[in-house]
Amino acid sequence: MRLQSVAIVLTAILAGQPCVSRTAYADPSGELQARIGSIQNAMRNRKVARVEILSVPPRIETDIAITSAALEKQPEYRLIIRDISVLALREKLSKALDTVIVTPSSELGDYRWGVVFYDDQGKRIMGIFFAPDGRHGAIDSATALVDGQLYRWLTRTYADCFQ
């Protein structure tokens, strides 16, 4: 399968066509969706104590795509919600998170939005990251196509704050 992908890319390059892969891969073990399920359960059971909302606005141009690790390390904006368990915001975030469905993908994104979840000991649980189209994303560092309302909730709730 890997050699076939390389052959397709080489053929596209030789033909002068763009070679951006839009292939989604099956997730036979359901690992990525299971990870989403675990954070959904953690939110429901109040095991998530802190949430960080990360953003690099589109007006900021970069020479290379922003990885999930780079966004987490050096966002332009980092909003820290220190105790999500007691806020009405938890319910809204939980509802948006409950709609998330992920499919593994090989396409890397230029991630401009992220949500990182921490437990009550300050231990990082996981992060969900989005490219500006809201469809391409990453669960930690695993690239994925992301469906659901989480990206819409993020941008509607925080875009005005992060200009």
C-alpha atoms as a PDB file:
ATOM      1  CA  MET A   1       0.000   0.000   0.000  1.00  0.00           C
ATOM      2  CA  ARG A   2       2.820   2.416   0.874  1.00  0.00           C
ATOM      3  CA  LEU A   3       4.631   1.790  -2.438  1.00  0.00           C
ATOM      4  CA  GLN A   4       1.377   2.354  -4.291  1.00  0.00           C
ATOM      5  CA  SER A   5       0.960   5.744  -2.549  1.00  0.00           C
ATOM      6  CA  VAL A   6       4.538   6.720  -3.442  1.00  0.00           C
ATOM      7  CA  ALA A   7       3.921   5.735  -7.070  1.00  0.00           C
ATOM      8  CA  ILE A   8       0.773   7.870  -7.189  1.00  0.00           C
ATOM      9  CA  VAL A   9       2.610  10.864  -5.740  1.00  0.00           C
ATOM     10  CA  LEU A  10       5.514  10.456  -8.186  1.00  0.00           C
ATOM     11  CA  THR A  11       3.075  10.168 -11.079  1.00  0.00           C
ATOM     12  CA  ALA A  12       1.321  13.352  -9.931  1.00  0.00           C
ATOM     13  CA  ILE A  13       4.626  15.220  -9.633  1.00  0.00           C
ATOM     14  CA  LEU A  14       5.761  14.136 -13.093  1.00  0.00           C
ATOM     15  CA  ALA A  15       2.388  15.137 -14.544  1.00  0.00           C
ATOM     16  CA  GLY A  16       2.625  18.544 -12.860  1.00  0.00           C
ATOM     17  CA  GLN A  17      -0.426  17.927 -10.710  1.00  0.00           C
ATOM     18  CA  PRO A  18      -0.741  18.853  -7.054  1.00  0.00           C
ATOM     19  CA  CYS A  19       0.063  15.900  -4.854  1.00  0.00           C
ATOM     20  CA  VAL A  20      -1.850  16.626  -1.666  1.00  0.00           C
ATOM     21  CA  SER A  21      -3.242  13.391  -0.350  1.00  0.00           C
ATOM     22  CA  ARG A  22      -6.841  13.433   0.807  1.00  0.00           C
ATOM     23  CA  THR A  23      -6.926   9.770   1.679  1.00  0.00           C
ATOM     24  CA  ALA A  24      -8.670   8.720   4.849  1.00  0.00           C
ATOM     25  CA  TYR A  25      -7.600   5.425   6.329  1.00  0.00           C
ATOM     26  CA  ALA A  26      -9.744   2.903   8.086  1.00  0.00           C
ATOM     27  CA  ASP A  27      -9.310   2.693  11.829  1.00  0.00           C
ATOM     28  CA  PRO A  28      -9.954  -1.046  12.264  1.00  0.00           C
ATOM     29  CA  SER A  29      -9.176  -1.013  15.960  1.00  0.00           C
ATOM     30  CA  GLY A  30     -11.173   2.177  16.474  1.00  0.00           C
ATOM     31  CA  GLU A  31      -8.280   3.562  18.518  1.00  0.00           C
ATOM     32  CA  LEU A  32      -8.770   7.239  17.661  1.00  0.00           C
ATOM     33  CA  GLN A  33     -12.510   7.135  18.248  1.00  0.00           C
ATOM     34  CA  ALA A  34     -11.888   5.245  21.505  1.00  0.00           C
ATOM     35  CA  ARG A  35      -9.593   8.074  22.623  1.00  0.00           C
ATOM     36  CA  ILE A  36     -12.354  10.566  21.857  1.00  0.00           C
ATOM     37  CA  GLY A  37     -14.736   8.349  23.839  1.00  0.00           C
ATOM     38  CA  SER A  38     -12.387   8.377  26.812  1.00  0.00           C
ATOM     39  CA  ILE A  39     -12.247  12.182  26.919  1.00  0.00           C
ATOM     40  CA  GLN A  40     -16.027  12.359  26.502  1.00  0.00           C
ATOM     41  CA  ASN A  41     -16.389  10.062  29.531  1.00  0.00           C
ATOM     42  CA  ALA A  42     -13.814  12.029  31.487  1.00  0.00           C
ATOM     43  CA  MET A  43     -15.782  15.233  30.863  1.00  0.00           C
ATOM     44  CA  ARG A  44     -19.070  13.585  31.882  1.00  0.00           C
ATOM     45  CA  ASN A  45     -17.512  12.143  35.048  1.00  0.00           C
ATOM     46  CA  ARG A  46     -15.825  15.439  35.955  1.00  0.00           C
ATOM     47  CA  LYS A  47     -12.338  13.954  35.610  1.00  0.00           C
ATOM     48  CA  VAL A  48     -11.202  16.893  33.484  1.00  0.00           C
ATOM     49  CA  ALA A  49     -10.141  19.747  35.738  1.00  0.00           C
ATOM     50  CA  ARG A  50      -8.390  22.167  33.393  1.00  0.00           C
ATOM     51  CA  VAL A  51      -8.811  22.976  29.718  1.00  0.00           C
ATOM     52  CA  GLU A  52      -6.563  25.088  27.538  1.00  0.00           C
ATOM     53  CA  ILE A  53      -7.896  26.709  24.370  1.00  0.00           C
ATOM     54  CA  LEU A  54      -5.068  27.416  21.910  1.00  0.00           C
ATOM     55  CA  SER A  55      -5.080  29.556  18.803  1.00  0.00           C
ATOM     56  CA  VAL A  56      -2.881  31.044  16.112  1.00  0.00           C
ATOM     57  CA  PRO A  57      -5.071  33.376  14.017  1.00  0.00           C
ATOM     58  CA  PRO A  58      -5.013  33.018  10.225  1.00  0.00           C
ATOM     59  CA  ARG A  59      -3.644  36.580   9.909  1.00  0.00           C
ATOM     60  CA  ILE A  60      -0.334  35.213  11.227  1.00  0.00           C
ATOM     61  CA  GLU A  61       1.512  33.712   8.298  1.00  0.00           C
ATOM     62  CA  THR A  62       4.155  31.039   8.729  1.00  0.00           C
ATOM     63  CA  ASP A  63       6.683  29.513   6.358  1.00  0.00           C
ATOM     64  CA  ILE A  64       5.756  25.999   7.423  1.00  0.00           C
ATOM     65  CA  ALA A  65       2.572  24.370   8.642  1.00  0.00           C
ATOM     66  CA  ILE A  66       1.978  24.530  12.385  1.00  0.00           C
ATOM     67  CA  THR A  67       2.037  21.050  13.923  1.00  0.00           C
ATOM     68  CA  SER A  68      -0.055  20.053  16.914  1.00  0.00           C
ATOM     69  CA  ALA A  69       3.120  20.016  19.052  1.00  0.00           C
ATOM     70  CA  ALA A  70       4.121  23.512  17.873  1.00  0.00           C
ATOM     71  CA  LEU A  71       0.640  24.892  18.522  1.00  0.00           C
ATOM     72  CA  GLU A  72       0.640  23.435  22.010  1.00  0.00           C
ATOM     73  CA  LYS A  73       4.120  24.742  22.762  1.00  0.00           C
ATOM     74  CA  GLN A  74       3.826  28.262  21.316  1.00  0.00           C
ATOM     75  CA  PRO A  75       0.297  29.387  20.505  1.00  0.00           C
ATOM     76  CA  GLU A  76      -0.341  33.049  19.843  1.00  0.00           C
ATOM     77  CA  TYR A  77      -3.183  32.791  22.361  1.00  0.00           C
ATOM     78  CA  ARG A  78      -3.622  30.392  25.275  1.00  0.00           C
ATOM     79  CA  LEU A  79      -6.796  30.646  27.327  1.00  0.00           C
ATOM     80  CA  ILE A  80      -6.580  28.562  30.511  1.00  0.00           C
ATOM     81  CA  ILE A  81      -9.798  27.478  32.170  1.00  0.00           C
ATOM     82  CA  ARG A  82      -8.489  26.356  35.548  1.00  0.00           C
ATOM     83  CA  ASP A  83     -11.599  24.616  36.875  1.00  0.00           C
ATOM     84  CA  ILE A  84     -13.911  23.531  34.085  1.00  0.00           C
ATOM     85  CA  SER A  85     -15.891  21.201  36.361  1.00  0.00           C
ATOM     86  CA  VAL A  86     -17.919  23.962  38.021  1.00  0.00           C
ATOM     87  CA  LEU A  87     -18.632  26.132  35.019  1.00  0.00           C
ATOM     88  CA  ALA A  88     -21.657  26.099  32.730  1.00  0.00           C
ATOM     89  CA  LEU A  89     -19.005  26.088  30.010  1.00  0.00           C
ATOM     90  CA  ARG A  90     -18.328  22.429  30.835  1.00  0.00           C
ATOM     91  CA  GLU A  91     -21.812  21.475  29.624  1.00  0.00           C
ATOM     92  CA  LYS A  92     -21.377  23.337  26.343  1.00  0.00           C
ATOM     93  CA  LEU A  93     -17.936  21.851  25.750  1.00  0.00           C
ATOM     94  CA  SER A  94     -19.227  18.375  26.643  1.00  0.00           C
ATOM     95  CA  LYS A  95     -22.113  18.684  24.175  1.00  0.00           C
ATOM     96  CA  ALA A  96     -19.768  19.764  21.387  1.00  0.00           C
ATOM     97  CA  LEU A  97     -17.297  17.019  22.283  1.00  0.00           C
ATOM     98  CA  ASP A  98     -20.053  14.385  22.231  1.00  0.00           C
ATOM     99  CA  THR A  99     -20.605  15.055  18.512  1.00  0.00           C
ATOM    100  CA  VAL A 100     -16.978  14.374  17.499  1.00  0.00           C
ATOM    101  CA  ILE A 101     -16.331  11.511  15.095  1.00  0.00           C
ATOM    102  CA  VAL A 102     -12.788  10.962  13.841  1.00  0.00           C
ATOM    103  CA  THR A 103     -11.316   9.037  10.938  1.00  0.00           C
ATOM    104  CA  PRO A 104      -7.556   8.556  10.632  1.00  0.00           C
ATOM    105  CA  SER A 105      -6.001  10.476   7.752  1.00  0.00           C
ATOM    106  CA  SER A 106      -2.536  10.800   6.305  1.00  0.00           C
ATOM    107  CA  GLU A 107      -2.903  14.501   5.532  1.00  0.00           C
ATOM    108  CA  LEU A 108      -1.039  16.872   7.811  1.00  0.00           C
ATOM    109  CA  GLY A 109      -2.724  20.140   8.666  1.00  0.00           C
ATOM    110  CA  ASP A 110      -1.694  23.656   9.527  1.00  0.00           C
ATOM    111  CA  TYR A 111      -3.256  23.596  12.977  1.00  0.00           C
ATOM    112  CA  ARG A 112      -4.613  26.914  14.215  1.00  0.00           C
ATOM    113  CA  TRP A 113      -6.994  25.794  16.989  1.00  0.00           C
ATOM    114  CA  GLY A 114      -6.548  23.341  19.819  1.00  0.00           C
ATOM    115  CA  VAL A 115      -8.186  22.135  23.012  1.00  0.00           C
ATOM    116  CA  VAL A 116      -5.976  20.406  25.575  1.00  0.00           C
ATOM    117  CA  PHE A 117      -7.468  18.559  28.540  1.00  0.00           C
ATOM    118  CA  TYR A 118      -5.807  18.039  31.952  1.00  0.00           C
ATOM    119  CA  ASP A 119      -6.802  16.069  35.049  1.00  0.00           C
ATOM    120  CA  ASP A 120      -6.942  17.430  38.609  1.00  0.00           C
ATOM    121  CA  GLN A 121      -3.241  16.619  39.140  1.00  0.00           C
ATOM    122  CA  GLY A 122      -2.264  18.754  36.156  1.00  0.00           C
ATOM    123  CA  LYS A 123      -1.474  15.724  34.011  1.00  0.00           C
ATOM    124  CA  ARG A 124      -2.201  16.180  30.335  1.00  0.00           C
ATOM    125  CA  ILE A 125      -4.936  13.802  29.158  1.00  0.00           C
ATOM    126  CA  MET A 126      -5.097  14.630  25.444  1.00  0.00           C
ATOM    127  CA  GLY A 127      -5.345  17.372  22.845  1.00  0.00           C
ATOM    128  CA  ILE A 128      -7.579  17.890  19.836  1.00  0.00           C
ATOM    129  CA  PHE A 129      -6.285  20.208  17.109  1.00  0.00           C
ATOM    130  CA  PHE A 130      -7.871  21.743  14.013  1.00  0.00           C
ATOM    131  CA  ALA A 131      -6.763  23.264  10.725  1.00  0.00           C
ATOM    132  CA  PRO A 132      -8.683  26.387   9.619  1.00  0.00           C
ATOM    133  CA  ASP A 133     -11.130  24.322   7.557  1.00  0.00           C
ATOM    134  CA  GLY A 134     -12.324  22.635  10.760  1.00  0.00           C
ATOM    135  CA  ARG A 135     -12.270  19.243   9.065  1.00  0.00           C
ATOM    136  CA  HIS A 136      -8.573  18.358   9.153  1.00  0.00           C
ATOM    137  CA  GLY A 137      -7.176  17.829  12.583  1.00  0.00           C
ATOM    138  CA  ALA A 138      -5.154  15.777  14.983  1.00  0.00           C
ATOM    139  CA  ILE A 139      -5.816  13.806  18.126  1.00  0.00           C
ATOM    140  CA  ASP A 140      -2.560  14.531  19.925  1.00  0.00           C
ATOM    141  CA  SER A 141      -0.145  13.896  17.044  1.00  0.00           C
ATOM    142  CA  ALA A 142      -2.314  11.427  15.082  1.00  0.00           C
ATOM    143  CA  THR A 143      -3.750  13.129  12.000  1.00  0.00           C
ATOM    144  CA  ALA A 144      -7.458  12.713  11.394  1.00  0.00           C
ATOM    145  CA  LEU A 145     -10.539  13.963   9.629  1.00  0.00           C
ATOM    146  CA  VAL A 146     -12.803  15.375  12.328  1.00  0.00           C
ATOM    147  CA  ASP A 147     -16.582  15.677  12.093  1.00  0.00           C
ATOM    148  CA  GLY A 148     -18.867  17.187  14.676  1.00  0.00           C
ATOM    149  CA  GLN A 149     -19.549  20.492  16.389  1.00  0.00           C
ATOM    150  CA  LEU A 150     -16.357  20.995  18.416  1.00  0.00           C
ATOM    151  CA  TYR A 151     -14.586  23.212  15.873  1.00  0.00           C
ATOM    152  CA  ARG A 152     -17.739  25.298  15.354  1.00  0.00           C
ATOM    153  CA  TRP A 153     -18.147  25.674  19.120  1.00  0.00           C
ATOM    154  CA  LEU A 154     -14.493  26.734  19.497  1.00  0.00           C
ATOM    155  CA  THR A 155     -14.590  29.340  16.763  1.00  0.00           C
ATOM    156  CA  ARG A 156     -17.994  30.734  17.715  1.00  0.00           C
ATOM    157  CA  THR A 157     -17.045  30.974  21.372  1.00  0.00           C
ATOM    158  CA  TYR A 158     -13.468  32.248  21.129  1.00  0.00           C
ATOM    159  CA  ALA A 159     -12.713  33.682  17.656  1.00  0.00           C
ATOM    160  CA  ASP A 160     -13.551  37.236  18.731  1.00  0.00           C
ATOM    161  CA  CYS A 161     -11.209  36.907  21.722  1.00  0.00           C
ATOM    162  CA  PHE A 162      -8.287  35.773  19.571  1.00  0.00           C
ATOM    163  CA  GLN A 163      -8.056  38.478  16.922  1.00  0.00           C
END
